[in-house]
Protein backbone atom coordinates (compact mmCIF):
# COMPACT_ATOMS: atom_id res chain seq x y z
CA MET A 1 -28.32 97.95 -28.37
CA LYS A 2 -28.94 97.48 -31.96
CA TYR A 3 -25.98 99.67 -33.26
CA LEU A 4 -23.89 99.94 -30.51
CA PHE A 5 -21.83 96.82 -31.96
CA SER A 6 -21.00 98.68 -34.79
CA ILE A 7 -20.42 101.87 -33.43
CA LEU A 8 -17.95 100.66 -31.23
CA ILE A 9 -15.94 98.91 -33.87
CA ILE A 10 -15.96 102.25 -35.95
CA ILE A 11 -14.28 104.02 -32.63
CA VAL A 12 -11.53 100.79 -32.76
CA LEU A 13 -10.59 101.71 -36.15
CA SER A 14 -11.11 105.46 -35.66
CA LEU A 15 -8.82 105.96 -33.15
CA GLN A 16 -6.24 102.91 -33.72
CA GLY A 17 -3.81 105.83 -34.48
CA PHE A 18 -4.03 107.71 -31.36
CA SER A 19 -4.24 104.66 -28.67
CA GLN A 20 -1.35 103.31 -26.74
CA ARG A 21 -1.46 99.70 -27.98
CA THR A 22 -0.67 96.68 -25.52
CA ASN A 23 1.21 94.05 -26.66
CA ASP A 24 -0.94 91.41 -25.15
CA LEU A 25 -3.08 89.03 -26.90
CA LYS A 26 -5.59 87.27 -24.56
CA ILE A 27 -7.18 83.72 -25.17
CA GLY A 28 -9.87 82.30 -22.74
CA LEU A 29 -12.03 79.62 -21.82
CA GLY A 30 -15.20 80.61 -20.04
CA GLN A 31 -17.88 78.28 -18.48
CA ALA A 32 -21.42 79.50 -18.88
CA ILE A 33 -24.12 78.73 -16.31
CA PHE A 34 -27.37 79.23 -17.59
CA LEU A 35 -29.84 80.49 -14.79
CA GLY A 36 -33.89 78.61 -14.41
CA ASN A 37 -32.43 75.23 -15.47
CA GLU A 38 -35.45 72.84 -13.95
CA SER A 39 -35.23 69.09 -13.45
CA GLY A 40 -37.99 67.46 -11.41
CA ALA A 41 -40.87 64.66 -11.58
CA THR A 42 -42.92 66.94 -13.81
CA GLY A 43 -39.97 67.04 -16.25
CA VAL A 44 -36.71 68.45 -17.38
CA ASN A 45 -36.01 72.02 -18.78
CA LYS A 46 -32.87 72.92 -18.73
CA ILE A 47 -29.33 74.78 -20.91
CA ASN A 48 -25.53 73.49 -20.40
CA GLY A 49 -22.53 73.59 -22.69
CA LEU A 50 -19.09 73.18 -23.39
CA PRO A 51 -16.71 75.77 -21.91
CA THR A 52 -16.87 79.20 -24.54
CA PHE A 53 -13.75 79.44 -26.42
CA PHE A 54 -12.65 82.91 -27.29
CA ILE A 55 -9.30 85.22 -28.47
CA GLU A 56 -9.12 88.81 -27.91
CA LYS A 57 -6.90 92.06 -28.63
CA PRO A 58 -7.14 94.56 -26.22
CA ILE A 59 -6.20 98.29 -27.46
CA ALA A 60 -5.16 100.64 -24.45
CA PHE A 61 -6.14 104.22 -24.11
CA THR A 62 -3.85 105.61 -20.90
CA ILE A 63 -5.99 108.16 -18.96
CA ASP A 64 -3.08 108.16 -16.07
CA ARG A 65 0.19 105.97 -14.95
CA ASP A 66 -2.39 103.80 -13.18
CA GLU A 67 -5.69 103.53 -14.98
CA LYS A 68 -6.38 102.90 -18.55
CA ILE A 69 -9.72 102.27 -20.98
CA CYS A 70 -9.37 99.18 -22.95
CA LEU A 71 -11.27 98.09 -26.07
CA ASN A 72 -11.03 94.50 -26.38
CA PRO A 73 -12.08 93.47 -29.88
CA GLY A 74 -12.35 89.44 -29.96
CA ILE A 75 -13.96 86.51 -31.50
CA ALA A 76 -15.81 83.63 -29.31
CA VAL A 77 -17.20 80.50 -29.99
CA PHE A 78 -20.76 79.21 -28.31
CA TYR A 79 -21.74 75.61 -28.08
CA PHE A 80 -24.56 75.02 -25.91
CA HIS A 81 -27.30 72.13 -25.35
CA GLU A 82 -30.76 72.37 -24.72
CA LEU A 83 -33.08 69.65 -23.04
CA GLU A 84 -36.33 69.84 -22.40
CA GLU A 85 -38.60 66.84 -21.60
CA TRP A 86 -42.37 66.83 -19.99
CA GLY A 87 -45.24 64.62 -20.26
CA ASP A 88 -45.94 61.03 -18.73
CA GLU A 89 -46.40 57.69 -20.46
CA ASN A 90 -49.98 58.91 -21.59
CA ALA A 91 -48.66 61.95 -23.60
CA GLY A 92 -45.40 64.34 -23.63
CA GLY A 93 -42.64 65.06 -25.55
CA SER A 94 -38.70 65.79 -25.37
CA LYS A 95 -36.56 68.10 -27.57
CA ASP A 96 -33.03 67.90 -27.40
CA LEU A 97 -30.81 70.05 -29.25
CA ASN A 98 -27.28 71.62 -30.33
CA ASN A 99 -26.72 75.79 -30.80
CA PHE A 100 -23.62 76.74 -32.32
CA SER A 101 -22.60 80.09 -32.65
CA ILE A 102 -19.29 81.93 -33.85
CA ASN A 103 -19.86 85.43 -32.93
CA GLY A 104 -17.40 88.57 -32.75
CA TYR A 105 -17.77 91.05 -29.88
CA VAL A 106 -16.17 94.32 -28.36
CA LYS A 107 -15.49 94.70 -24.65
CA LEU A 108 -15.15 98.50 -23.40
CA LEU A 109 -13.28 98.45 -19.97
CA PHE A 110 -11.61 100.10 -17.37
CA LYS A 111 -8.77 99.24 -16.04
CA GLN A 112 -7.04 100.18 -12.55
CA MET A 113 -3.51 98.52 -11.84
CA ILE A 114 -2.72 97.65 -8.41
CA GLN A 115 0.78 98.16 -8.48
CA ARG A 116 3.41 99.80 -10.21
CA ARG A 117 6.43 98.22 -11.74
CA SER A 118 4.13 94.93 -12.16
CA GLU A 119 1.15 94.08 -14.23
CA ALA A 120 -1.42 93.38 -11.42
CA TYR A 121 -4.85 95.22 -11.93
CA ILE A 122 -8.80 94.97 -11.61
CA TYR A 123 -11.08 95.63 -14.32
CA PHE A 124 -14.92 96.21 -15.02
CA GLY A 125 -17.09 97.50 -18.01
CA GLY A 126 -19.20 96.13 -20.50
CA ILE A 127 -19.95 93.72 -23.50
CA THR A 128 -21.86 93.71 -26.74
CA GLY A 129 -21.40 90.92 -29.50
CA ILE A 130 -23.12 89.78 -32.63
CA HIS A 131 -23.87 86.25 -34.09
CA MET A 132 -21.83 85.88 -37.42
CA TYR A 133 -22.84 81.90 -37.88
CA SER A 134 -25.40 80.30 -36.00
CA ASN A 135 -26.60 76.52 -36.35
CA THR A 136 -29.62 74.72 -34.10
CA SER A 137 -29.43 70.62 -34.72
CA GLY A 138 -31.34 67.97 -33.25
CA GLU A 139 -34.88 66.11 -32.56
CA LYS A 140 -38.47 67.10 -31.19
CA ILE A 141 -40.41 64.28 -30.71
CA ILE A 142 -44.26 64.28 -29.26
CA PHE A 143 -45.84 61.12 -28.01
CA SER A 144 -49.33 60.81 -27.40
CA GLN A 145 -52.21 57.96 -27.15
CA ASN A 146 -54.63 60.33 -28.66
CA VAL A 147 -55.47 59.35 -32.36
CA ASN A 148 -56.41 62.93 -32.83
CA ASN A 149 -53.60 64.38 -31.92
CA PRO A 150 -51.06 61.77 -33.27
CA SER A 151 -47.13 61.40 -32.22
CA PHE A 152 -44.22 62.51 -34.53
CA GLU A 153 -40.50 62.86 -34.62
CA GLU A 154 -38.80 65.95 -36.14
CA ALA A 155 -35.28 66.11 -37.03
CA VAL A 156 -34.03 69.66 -36.55
CA ASN A 157 -31.24 71.54 -38.36
CA LYS A 158 -32.07 75.23 -39.16
CA THR A 159 -30.19 78.50 -38.23
CA GLY A 160 -29.82 79.19 -34.65
CA LYS A 161 -31.38 82.58 -34.43
CA ASP A 162 -34.45 81.27 -32.79
CA PHE A 163 -32.05 80.48 -29.55
CA PHE A 164 -29.59 83.06 -29.62
CA ASN A 165 -30.54 86.68 -29.61
CA THR A 166 -29.00 88.30 -32.74
CA ILE A 167 -27.70 90.70 -30.47
CA TYR A 168 -26.43 90.19 -26.88
CA TYR A 169 -24.72 92.48 -24.20
CA GLY A 170 -23.46 92.33 -20.66
CA VAL A 171 -21.35 93.19 -17.84
CA VAL A 172 -17.82 92.00 -16.82
CA ALA A 173 -15.28 92.41 -14.05
CA GLY A 174 -11.92 90.55 -13.78
CA PHE A 175 -8.34 90.33 -11.99
CA GLN A 176 -4.74 90.36 -13.13
CA PRO A 177 -2.87 89.20 -10.28
CA ASN A 178 1.02 89.87 -10.24
CA ALA A 179 3.00 89.39 -12.92
CA LYS A 180 6.11 90.92 -14.10
CA ILE A 181 6.01 93.49 -17.26
CA THR A 182 8.02 91.35 -19.22
CA ALA A 183 6.16 87.77 -18.41
CA LEU A 184 5.25 85.88 -21.63
CA ILE A 185 2.23 84.60 -20.14
CA LYS A 186 -0.37 86.68 -17.99
CA PRO A 187 -3.26 84.63 -16.22
CA SER A 188 -6.57 86.73 -15.47
CA PHE A 189 -9.65 85.45 -14.37
CA GLU A 190 -13.10 86.82 -15.30
CA PHE A 191 -16.85 87.15 -14.26
CA ALA A 192 -19.43 88.23 -16.88
CA PHE A 193 -23.39 88.45 -16.58
CA TYR A 194 -25.64 88.30 -19.35
CA PRO A 195 -29.20 89.35 -19.38
CA SER A 196 -31.63 87.36 -21.68
CA PHE A 197 -28.64 85.74 -23.14
CA VAL A 198 -30.57 82.99 -25.04
CA SER A 199 -34.29 81.98 -25.80
CA LYS A 200 -36.25 78.81 -24.73
CA GLU A 201 -39.31 78.83 -26.70
CA ILE A 202 -40.74 82.50 -26.25
CA GLU A 203 -38.66 83.03 -22.70
CA LYS A 204 -35.51 84.63 -22.26
CA VAL A 205 -33.15 82.99 -20.50
CA SER A 206 -29.74 84.92 -18.32
CA ALA A 207 -26.47 83.61 -17.88
CA VAL A 208 -23.26 84.07 -15.91
CA GLN A 209 -19.83 83.04 -17.45
CA VAL A 210 -16.72 82.44 -15.56
CA SER A 211 -13.49 82.37 -17.01
CA VAL A 212 -9.60 82.16 -17.35
CA LEU A 213 -7.56 83.80 -19.53
CA LEU A 214 -3.83 83.68 -20.57
CA GLY A 215 -2.77 86.86 -21.72
CA ILE A 216 0.09 86.48 -24.10
CA ASN A 217 3.32 89.21 -24.53
CA LEU A 218 4.03 89.16 -28.20
């Protein structure tokens, strides 16, 4: 997966002149749901975040009248809050961190039209992206009654590479309801699954994301 993003960008640049371009610009909001969040008597270990904002430009390659291959290069903004608490009144700690990323991605999609003379279709495919800028900020606290293991508080402000994997990838599927070809706004709905999306310490965490997109007919 290390070089897949670069390869897809090269494909986009080299085939633009031969593609059938769509006039749509897609703007979306997606809510990521992380798998494996825990909250109980022994502590808290969870990740959540604000809705992801992204914008992408579909470039379509026609297979036949009802089928197309689409390359959708785009940019996304991630903001995820990471909270971990453990221990009791004698010893324990907490980690309260905010993780921010601006990243570029490419989707490779197969699109099947549902109705002719309309823009209703389903699609599925893959996505791969790379984090161009990331940051982690917040604080870590350790407290202890043991004088040989003193308490400390640490402010965190560093690159987000320990949380965000440099390259991420996943699978996507979506649906656009019936819409006139000439409609200015065309809503669609998308579901994505990202394995090993981010890292909590040494543990890889997967996530699903549900998104609403607005296709703008320019």
